[in-house]
Amino acid sequence: MSSTDWYRFPLIVGMIFLVGADKPSAVAQILRAPVNAVPASELPHEFVYRPQTEPVDASQLRLTPTKEYYLDNGDVLGIFIDGVLGEFDQAPPVHYPAADSDLPPSLGFPVVVQADGSISLPLVNQIMVRGLTISQAEARIRQRFLDGVRPILKPESRILVSLMRKRTVSVYVLRGDDSASASRFIGRQNLSNRSVNSRSDDSQRAERLQLPAGDNDLLNALSRTGGLPGVNARSDVRILSDPPNRAFPRSGQSPFPRTGSASDGYRSTRRTVPTRQTTGFPRSISGSDIRLNQGDVVVVEPRDTEVFYTSGLLRGGEFPIPRDRGLDVVEAVSIAGGSLTSNGPQNTTGTELLVIRRRPDGTQFTIGVDLNRAISNPAERIQVQPGDVLMLRYSPAEQIRNIGLQTLGVAGLRQLIGR
């Protein structure tokens, strides 16, 4: 447009408003008061980025294996003693362990380690084996039968001791991460179907486990009930434990720890074990945190699906946010079905994005994002937070141009401005 054609500009604007009088919403949008939005480039760092997470080292959720196994009450020994537990000319019976056991086949007859840590054998008094290894227990049994002024057996008598079955720890696992969740839609190719259509109903599946000694840790409990917490579960696992020095369970008492009343003064203890960590900041987990004792209850709680909402040119929608990585506004607009190509004669996509975000105190503020600048400048591409409302609309300049294109047509507008 030359300097002599500037008189045409008021005429163009006037015609657009007159012809577009049947589009009051569009005219109102042009004349609207600007929204008090904070530019994305001026936001503090904590409002721009969402920390990325990753699983903790799974080996931290398992007890460190020991070279020696130490006996305690509940262990079952396989013992064969010539003329005492078995005949002189008899082959020792062979016991094959269960398929999921890490024990080799054992020889002898089953003898249970009693609650006081001792075993009972014929012809001798009780023998204390608590805290002993298998070889130490065999040496003590041999000493009891072969030593003394009048030994019970001859030195060449066979005395065989092996571990037939490990003692077990009874624990309960409550999992609430089995229900369908919107997070399962992440990664599907059809982005138009990624809106949330189901949520966890907070139902829980319960299982009782008998964990062998040495495997009584959090990793084994989770592995036997479905694996590490998935996208539908909270990242922290709670463990409810019986207080120390309390017999468990009492006769007639529920196997689940409970919060006692003032009448009995009983209250279960709780600890929380993380299963995820912020990327670049590894977490250290102690063995006492992941060791499970008799009657412990492991609780995997469901998490609320983290979503963002859309409105305006994106229409109303609800979409899940990935758990372990950030989702910037350009990606979010694409997931919601928006097009980022606003140049061209149709120009049906706006570039003014308003992000309505809540503060921790419940109040809200608005962030203004220019998508044209966000495409070329990563610093403008703030990351979406759970609960954000993304409202896409035309900028005033885009609205004026769209009304002109719709009412006059491209050819008419060019003729009017002399092009």
Protein backbone atom coordinates (compact mmCIF):
# COMPACT_ATOMS: atom_id res chain seq x y z
CA MET A 1 0.00 0.00 0.00
CA SER A 2 1.57 3.32 -1.05
CA SER A 3 1.57 6.50 1.00
CA THR A 4 -1.25 7.88 -1.14
CA ASP A 5 -3.45 4.88 -0.31
CA TRP A 6 -3.57 5.31 3.47
CA TYR A 7 -7.03 6.83 3.16
CA ARG A 8 -8.22 3.34 2.28
CA PHE A 9 -7.36 1.87 5.69
CA PRO A 10 -10.28 3.38 7.71
CA LEU A 11 -12.58 2.35 4.87
CA ILE A 12 -11.33 -1.23 5.02
CA VAL A 13 -11.83 -1.46 8.78
CA GLY A 14 -15.28 0.09 8.55
CA MET A 15 -16.39 -2.32 5.88
CA ILE A 16 -15.13 -5.28 7.86
CA PHE A 17 -17.18 -4.24 10.88
CA LEU A 18 -20.28 -3.48 8.81
CA VAL A 19 -20.17 -6.72 6.88
CA GLY A 20 -19.21 -8.62 10.01
CA ALA A 21 -22.09 -7.18 12.00
CA ASP A 22 -23.76 -10.56 11.79
CA LYS A 23 -20.76 -11.97 13.67
CA PRO A 24 -21.09 -10.12 17.01
CA SER A 25 -18.86 -12.56 18.87
CA ALA A 26 -15.99 -11.93 16.50
CA VAL A 27 -16.41 -8.15 16.74
CA ALA A 28 -16.67 -8.40 20.52
CA GLN A 29 -13.44 -10.37 20.60
CA ILE A 30 -11.67 -7.64 18.66
CA LEU A 31 -12.98 -4.94 20.99
CA ARG A 32 -12.51 -6.93 24.19
CA ALA A 33 -10.33 -5.68 27.02
CA PRO A 34 -6.93 -7.40 27.08
CA VAL A 35 -6.52 -10.25 29.55
CA ASN A 36 -4.11 -9.55 32.39
CA ALA A 37 -1.72 -12.37 31.54
CA VAL A 38 1.87 -12.84 32.62
CA PRO A 39 4.13 -13.35 29.57
CA ALA A 40 5.67 -16.81 29.53
CA SER A 41 9.15 -15.31 29.25
CA GLU A 42 8.75 -13.57 32.62
CA LEU A 43 7.76 -16.61 34.69
CA PRO A 44 10.05 -17.95 37.45
CA HIS A 45 11.76 -21.26 36.73
CA GLU A 46 9.51 -23.29 39.05
CA PHE A 47 6.45 -22.21 37.04
CA VAL A 48 7.99 -23.09 33.69
CA TYR A 49 9.44 -26.59 34.07
CA ARG A 50 8.10 -29.80 35.56
CA PRO A 51 10.73 -32.12 37.07
CA GLN A 52 11.30 -35.33 35.15
CA THR A 53 11.27 -38.56 37.13
CA GLU A 54 12.61 -42.07 36.71
CA PRO A 55 12.43 -45.33 38.67
CA VAL A 56 14.79 -45.76 41.60
CA ASP A 57 17.45 -48.43 41.33
CA ALA A 58 15.37 -51.57 41.91
CA SER A 59 18.28 -53.24 43.71
CA GLN A 60 17.72 -50.79 46.58
CA LEU A 61 14.32 -52.37 47.21
CA ARG A 62 15.89 -55.77 47.90
CA LEU A 63 17.79 -57.00 50.93
CA THR A 64 21.47 -57.57 50.27
CA PRO A 65 22.01 -61.32 49.81
CA THR A 66 24.21 -62.94 52.47
CA LYS A 67 26.67 -65.78 51.96
CA GLU A 68 25.46 -67.65 55.02
CA TYR A 69 21.95 -68.50 56.14
CA TYR A 70 21.36 -68.25 59.89
CA LEU A 71 18.73 -70.46 61.48
CA ASP A 72 15.78 -69.24 63.50
CA ASN A 73 12.38 -70.45 64.61
CA GLY A 74 10.22 -71.68 61.75
CA ASP A 75 13.07 -73.16 59.71
CA VAL A 76 12.71 -76.82 58.78
CA LEU A 77 15.89 -78.90 58.84
CA GLY A 78 16.41 -82.20 57.04
CA ILE A 79 18.23 -84.47 59.52
CA PHE A 80 19.37 -88.07 59.14
CA ILE A 81 21.14 -89.85 62.03
CA ASP A 82 22.07 -93.52 61.83
CA GLY A 83 19.94 -95.54 64.24
CA VAL A 84 18.16 -92.43 65.58
CA LEU A 85 16.43 -90.78 62.63
CA GLY A 86 16.79 -93.54 60.07
CA GLU A 87 18.20 -97.04 60.05
CA PHE A 88 21.86 -97.95 59.56
CA ASP A 89 21.23 -99.69 56.27
CA GLN A 90 18.66 -97.20 55.04
CA ALA A 91 19.28 -94.55 52.36
CA PRO A 92 18.38 -91.06 53.57
CA PRO A 93 15.07 -89.81 52.17
CA VAL A 94 15.42 -87.09 49.55
CA HIS A 95 13.21 -84.01 49.61
CA TYR A 96 12.90 -81.84 46.50
CA PRO A 97 12.06 -78.18 47.13
CA ALA A 98 9.24 -76.25 45.50
CA ALA A 99 9.77 -74.92 42.00
CA ASP A 100 10.12 -71.32 43.19
CA SER A 101 12.64 -72.18 45.94
CA ASP A 102 16.35 -71.42 45.68
CA LEU A 103 17.27 -74.38 47.90
CA PRO A 104 18.91 -77.57 46.64
CA PRO A 105 17.40 -80.99 47.41
CA SER A 106 17.72 -81.94 51.08
CA LEU A 107 18.34 -85.25 52.85
CA GLY A 108 16.74 -86.57 55.99
CA PHE A 109 13.59 -86.25 58.02
CA PRO A 110 11.95 -82.87 58.72
CA VAL A 111 12.72 -81.26 62.08
CA VAL A 112 11.25 -77.85 62.85
CA VAL A 113 13.15 -75.18 64.75
CA GLN A 114 10.92 -74.32 67.71
CA ALA A 115 9.83 -70.86 68.86
CA ASP A 116 12.69 -70.74 71.38
CA GLY A 117 15.24 -71.49 68.64
CA SER A 118 15.87 -75.12 69.61
CA ILE A 119 15.24 -78.51 67.97
CA SER A 120 14.13 -81.73 69.60
CA LEU A 121 15.86 -85.01 68.70
CA PRO A 122 15.53 -88.51 70.21
CA LEU A 123 17.88 -89.59 73.03
CA VAL A 124 19.23 -86.08 73.75
CA ASN A 125 18.02 -82.88 75.32
CA GLN A 126 16.94 -79.95 73.20
CA ILE A 127 19.69 -78.45 71.06
CA MET A 128 19.80 -74.67 70.54
CA VAL A 129 20.42 -73.78 66.85
CA ARG A 130 19.15 -70.20 66.60
CA GLY A 131 21.76 -68.00 64.95
CA LEU A 132 23.79 -70.94 63.67
CA THR A 133 24.61 -71.81 60.08
CA ILE A 134 23.78 -75.27 58.73
CA SER A 135 27.36 -76.47 59.17
CA GLN A 136 27.48 -75.11 62.72
CA ALA A 137 24.18 -76.80 63.56
CA GLU A 138 25.48 -80.11 62.20
CA ALA A 139 28.64 -79.77 64.28
CA ARG A 140 26.59 -79.13 67.41
CA ILE A 141 24.35 -82.14 66.77
CA ARG A 142 27.37 -84.33 66.11
CA GLN A 143 28.96 -83.12 69.31
CA ARG A 144 25.84 -84.01 71.31
CA PHE A 145 25.70 -87.60 69.93
CA LEU A 146 29.41 -88.43 69.73
CA ASP A 147 31.04 -86.62 72.64
CA GLY A 148 30.94 -87.48 76.30
CA VAL A 149 32.07 -90.39 78.47
CA ARG A 150 29.48 -92.70 76.93
CA PRO A 151 28.78 -91.44 73.38
CA ILE A 152 25.45 -92.45 71.89
CA LEU A 153 26.85 -93.14 68.42
CA LYS A 154 30.08 -94.36 66.96
CA PRO A 155 32.38 -91.89 65.18
CA GLU A 156 31.61 -93.48 61.80
CA SER A 157 27.85 -93.01 62.20
CA ARG A 158 26.22 -90.85 59.58
CA ILE A 159 24.84 -87.50 60.73
CA LEU A 160 23.47 -85.39 57.87
CA VAL A 161 21.93 -81.93 58.30
CA SER A 162 20.51 -79.79 55.48
CA LEU A 163 17.99 -76.98 55.12
CA MET A 164 14.68 -78.42 53.93
CA ARG A 165 12.55 -75.26 54.04
CA LYS A 166 13.23 -71.68 55.04
CA ARG A 167 11.09 -69.94 57.59
CA THR A 168 8.60 -67.52 56.06
CA VAL A 169 7.30 -64.07 56.89
CA SER A 170 3.60 -63.49 56.42
CA VAL A 171 2.84 -60.11 54.84
CA TYR A 172 -0.15 -58.55 53.14
CA VAL A 173 -0.11 -56.49 49.97
CA LEU A 174 -2.95 -54.10 49.08
CA ARG A 175 -2.73 -52.73 45.54
CA GLY A 176 -4.97 -50.03 44.14
CA ASP A 177 -3.23 -49.59 40.79
CA ASP A 178 -5.11 -52.19 38.72
CA SER A 179 -8.07 -50.14 37.62
CA ALA A 180 -8.21 -48.50 34.18
CA SER A 181 -6.65 -45.08 34.05
CA ALA A 182 -6.23 -42.33 31.53
CA SER A 183 -2.48 -42.69 31.77
CA ARG A 184 -2.73 -45.91 29.77
CA PHE A 185 -3.63 -43.83 26.72
CA ILE A 186 -0.18 -42.24 26.67
CA GLY A 187 1.78 -43.45 23.67
CA ARG A 188 -1.12 -44.36 21.44
CA GLN A 189 -0.85 -43.13 17.88
CA ASN A 190 -4.43 -41.90 17.66
CA LEU A 191 -4.05 -38.68 19.58
CA SER A 192 -7.69 -37.74 19.15
CA ASN A 193 -8.65 -40.60 21.49
CA ARG A 194 -6.30 -39.67 24.30
CA SER A 195 -8.89 -37.78 26.32
CA VAL A 196 -9.63 -39.29 29.69
CA ASN A 197 -12.64 -41.58 29.67
CA SER A 198 -11.98 -43.66 32.78
CA ARG A 199 -10.38 -43.26 36.17
CA SER A 200 -9.20 -45.45 38.97
CA ASP A 201 -12.09 -46.30 41.28
CA ASP A 202 -9.66 -46.62 44.21
CA SER A 203 -10.52 -50.31 44.57
CA GLN A 204 -7.75 -52.46 46.01
CA ARG A 205 -6.67 -56.03 45.42
CA ALA A 206 -5.34 -57.85 48.47
CA GLU A 207 -2.93 -60.76 48.60
CA ARG A 208 -1.28 -62.60 51.46
CA LEU A 209 2.30 -63.69 50.84
CA GLN A 210 4.61 -66.09 52.63
CA LEU A 211 8.04 -64.66 51.88
CA PRO A 212 11.03 -66.89 52.67
CA ALA A 213 13.63 -65.51 55.05
CA GLY A 214 16.14 -63.46 53.08
CA ASP A 215 13.49 -62.61 50.50
CA ASN A 216 11.28 -60.71 52.94
CA ASP A 217 11.78 -57.37 51.24
CA LEU A 218 9.71 -54.86 49.31
CA LEU A 219 10.98 -55.88 45.87
CA ASN A 220 9.84 -59.49 46.34
CA ALA A 221 6.45 -58.42 47.69
CA LEU A 222 5.84 -56.14 44.71
CA SER A 223 7.23 -58.59 42.16
CA ARG A 224 4.86 -61.34 43.31
CA THR A 225 1.81 -59.09 43.12
CA GLY A 226 2.24 -57.41 39.75
CA GLY A 227 5.58 -55.61 39.72
CA LEU A 228 6.66 -52.09 40.62
CA PRO A 229 3.91 -49.46 40.90
CA GLY A 230 2.68 -48.51 37.44
CA VAL A 231 1.32 -45.29 35.98
CA ASN A 232 -1.91 -45.71 37.94
CA ALA A 233 -0.16 -45.82 41.32
CA ARG A 234 1.42 -43.31 43.63
CA SER A 235 5.21 -43.31 43.54
CA ASP A 236 5.54 -43.88 47.29
CA VAL A 237 4.70 -47.24 48.85
CA ARG A 238 3.43 -47.28 52.44
CA ILE A 239 4.32 -50.06 54.86
CA LEU A 240 2.23 -50.55 58.00
CA SER A 241 4.10 -52.43 60.70
CA ASP A 242 3.29 -53.93 64.03
CA PRO A 243 5.00 -52.10 66.91
CA PRO A 244 8.17 -53.76 68.22
CA ASN A 245 7.89 -56.40 70.93
CA ARG A 246 4.26 -57.12 70.22
CA ALA A 247 3.11 -60.69 69.64
CA PHE A 248 1.40 -61.09 66.27
CA PRO A 249 -1.28 -62.07 65.79
CA ARG A 250 -3.29 -62.37 68.95
CA SER A 251 -5.95 -65.02 69.20
CA GLY A 252 -9.04 -63.78 67.42
CA GLN A 253 -7.27 -60.63 66.23
CA SER A 254 -7.50 -59.43 62.64
CA PRO A 255 -4.29 -60.13 60.70
CA PHE A 256 -4.24 -56.53 59.54
CA PRO A 257 -2.54 -53.95 61.76
CA ARG A 258 -5.04 -51.42 63.00
CA THR A 259 -5.10 -48.10 64.76
CA GLY A 260 -5.96 -48.88 68.33
CA SER A 261 -8.21 -46.98 70.63
CA ALA A 262 -7.20 -45.35 73.87
CA SER A 263 -8.30 -48.49 75.68
CA ASP A 264 -5.48 -50.65 74.36
CA GLY A 265 -2.89 -47.98 73.50
CA TYR A 266 -2.00 -49.76 70.26
CA ARG A 267 -0.99 -47.90 67.13
CA SER A 268 0.71 -49.34 64.07
CA THR A 269 3.83 -47.67 62.74
CA ARG A 270 4.13 -46.43 59.18
CA ARG A 271 6.99 -45.83 56.82
CA THR A 272 7.10 -44.69 53.22
CA VAL A 273 9.45 -46.03 50.57
CA PRO A 274 9.89 -44.12 47.28
CA THR A 275 9.89 -46.06 44.01
CA ARG A 276 10.66 -43.08 41.78
CA GLN A 277 13.14 -40.24 41.94
CA THR A 278 13.80 -36.93 40.23
CA THR A 279 16.10 -37.44 37.27
CA GLY A 280 19.65 -36.56 38.24
CA PHE A 281 18.96 -36.76 41.98
CA PRO A 282 19.29 -40.43 43.05
CA ARG A 283 17.69 -41.45 46.33
CA SER A 284 19.25 -43.70 48.93
CA ILE A 285 17.04 -46.31 50.61
CA SER A 286 18.14 -48.18 53.71
CA GLY A 287 17.71 -51.89 54.33
CA SER A 288 15.55 -51.27 57.40
CA ASP A 289 13.06 -49.39 55.23
CA ILE A 290 12.48 -52.21 52.76
CA ARG A 291 12.69 -55.19 55.15
CA LEU A 292 9.27 -56.74 55.78
CA ASN A 293 8.47 -58.36 59.10
CA GLN A 294 5.71 -60.63 60.28
CA GLY A 295 2.29 -59.07 59.73
CA ASP A 296 3.46 -56.05 57.75
CA VAL A 297 0.97 -54.56 55.28
CA VAL A 298 2.30 -53.09 52.01
CA VAL A 299 -0.07 -50.50 50.52
CA VAL A 300 0.20 -49.33 46.90
CA GLU A 301 -2.29 -46.48 46.61
CA PRO A 302 -3.89 -45.31 43.36
CA ARG A 303 -2.96 -41.83 42.19
CA ASP A 304 -5.24 -39.22 40.76
CA THR A 305 -4.85 -39.01 37.00
CA GLU A 306 -2.93 -35.84 36.15
CA VAL A 307 -4.69 -34.01 33.34
CA PHE A 308 -4.93 -30.65 31.62
CA TYR A 309 -8.05 -29.08 30.13
CA THR A 310 -8.66 -27.25 26.86
CA SER A 311 -11.15 -24.64 25.71
CA GLY A 312 -11.56 -21.93 23.10
CA LEU A 313 -10.45 -22.90 19.60
CA LEU A 314 -9.31 -26.25 20.97
CA ARG A 315 -12.82 -26.98 22.22
CA GLY A 316 -13.49 -28.49 25.58
CA GLY A 317 -11.37 -31.50 26.44
CA GLU A 318 -9.44 -33.33 29.14
CA PHE A 319 -6.08 -34.95 28.39
CA PRO A 320 -3.57 -36.93 30.48
CA ILE A 321 -0.09 -35.65 31.30
CA PRO A 322 2.84 -38.08 31.11
CA ARG A 323 4.09 -39.05 34.55
CA ASP A 324 7.83 -39.09 33.99
CA ARG A 325 8.51 -36.22 31.62
CA GLY A 326 7.42 -32.67 30.99
CA LEU A 327 4.79 -31.72 28.41
CA ASP A 328 5.25 -28.26 26.90
CA VAL A 329 2.45 -26.10 25.53
CA VAL A 330 3.29 -26.78 21.88
CA GLU A 331 3.03 -30.54 22.49
CA ALA A 332 -0.15 -30.06 24.49
CA VAL A 333 -1.83 -28.09 21.69
CA SER A 334 -0.84 -30.80 19.21
CA ILE A 335 -2.20 -33.57 21.48
CA ALA A 336 -5.48 -31.66 21.82
CA GLY A 337 -5.87 -31.59 18.04
CA GLY A 338 -4.75 -28.03 17.39
CA SER A 339 -2.81 -27.02 14.30
CA LEU A 340 0.24 -24.83 14.64
CA THR A 341 0.19 -23.57 11.02
CA SER A 342 -1.49 -20.17 11.12
CA ASN A 343 -0.07 -18.73 7.90
CA GLY A 344 -2.15 -19.08 4.80
CA PRO A 345 -5.45 -17.84 3.35
CA GLN A 346 -7.67 -19.94 5.63
CA ASN A 347 -5.92 -19.07 8.94
CA THR A 348 -8.33 -21.07 11.06
CA THR A 349 -5.89 -21.50 13.96
CA GLY A 350 -5.12 -18.88 16.55
CA THR A 351 -1.71 -18.23 18.05
CA GLU A 352 -2.68 -16.61 21.35
CA LEU A 353 -2.67 -19.22 24.11
CA LEU A 354 -3.83 -18.43 27.63
CA VAL A 355 -2.82 -20.87 30.35
CA ILE A 356 -4.98 -20.61 33.47
CA ARG A 357 -3.09 -22.07 36.43
CA ARG A 358 -3.94 -22.50 40.10
CA ARG A 359 -1.59 -21.55 42.88
CA PRO A 360 -1.18 -23.78 45.97
CA ASP A 361 -3.43 -21.41 47.95
CA GLY A 362 -6.31 -21.94 45.51
CA THR A 363 -6.06 -18.64 43.66
CA GLN A 364 -5.30 -18.58 39.96
CA PHE A 365 -3.33 -16.54 37.47
CA THR A 366 -3.08 -16.47 33.70
CA ILE A 367 0.00 -16.99 31.53
CA GLY A 368 0.15 -15.59 28.01
CA VAL A 369 1.95 -17.60 25.33
CA ASP A 370 2.52 -16.51 21.73
CA LEU A 371 2.67 -19.82 19.87
CA ASN A 372 4.51 -18.27 16.94
CA ARG A 373 7.35 -17.29 19.26
CA ALA A 374 7.10 -20.56 21.20
CA ILE A 375 7.72 -22.60 18.05
CA SER A 376 11.00 -20.85 17.34
CA ASN A 377 12.07 -20.09 20.91
CA PRO A 378 12.14 -23.05 23.36
CA ALA A 379 12.31 -20.61 26.29
CA GLU A 380 8.70 -19.65 25.55
CA ARG A 381 7.51 -23.25 25.60
CA ILE A 382 6.47 -23.56 29.23
CA GLN A 383 5.49 -26.97 30.50
CA VAL A 384 1.92 -27.85 31.33
CA GLN A 385 1.12 -28.54 34.98
CA PRO A 386 -1.69 -30.77 36.28
CA GLY A 387 -4.97 -28.88 36.32
CA ASP A 388 -3.93 -26.25 33.76
CA VAL A 389 -6.64 -24.88 31.46
CA LEU A 390 -5.34 -24.11 27.95
CA MET A 391 -7.49 -21.58 26.09
CA LEU A 392 -6.50 -21.03 22.47
CA ARG A 393 -7.86 -18.02 20.64
CA TYR A 394 -7.14 -15.56 17.85
CA SER A 395 -5.10 -12.50 18.49
CA PRO A 396 -6.91 -9.21 17.60
CA ALA A 397 -4.91 -8.90 14.37
CA GLU A 398 -5.78 -12.47 13.38
CA GLN A 399 -9.46 -11.88 14.13
CA ILE A 400 -9.60 -8.76 11.95
CA ARG A 401 -7.90 -10.55 9.09
CA ASN A 402 -10.19 -13.59 9.42
CA ILE A 403 -13.35 -11.44 9.33
CA GLY A 404 -12.08 -9.64 6.27
CA LEU A 405 -11.26 -12.90 4.52
CA GLN A 406 -14.61 -14.43 5.38
CA THR A 407 -16.74 -11.45 4.39
CA LEU A 408 -14.99 -9.93 1.40
CA GLY A 409 -12.96 -12.87 0.17
CA VAL A 410 -9.31 -12.73 -0.74
CA ALA A 411 -9.90 -11.25 -4.19
CA GLY A 412 -12.27 -8.54 -2.93
CA LEU A 413 -9.92 -7.53 -0.13
CA ARG A 414 -7.01 -7.30 -2.54
CA GLN A 415 -9.07 -5.19 -4.96
CA LEU A 416 -10.14 -2.89 -2.15
CA ILE A 417 -6.59 -2.22 -1.04
CA GLY A 418 -5.42 -1.86 -4.64
CA ARG A 419 -3.36 -5.04 -4.90
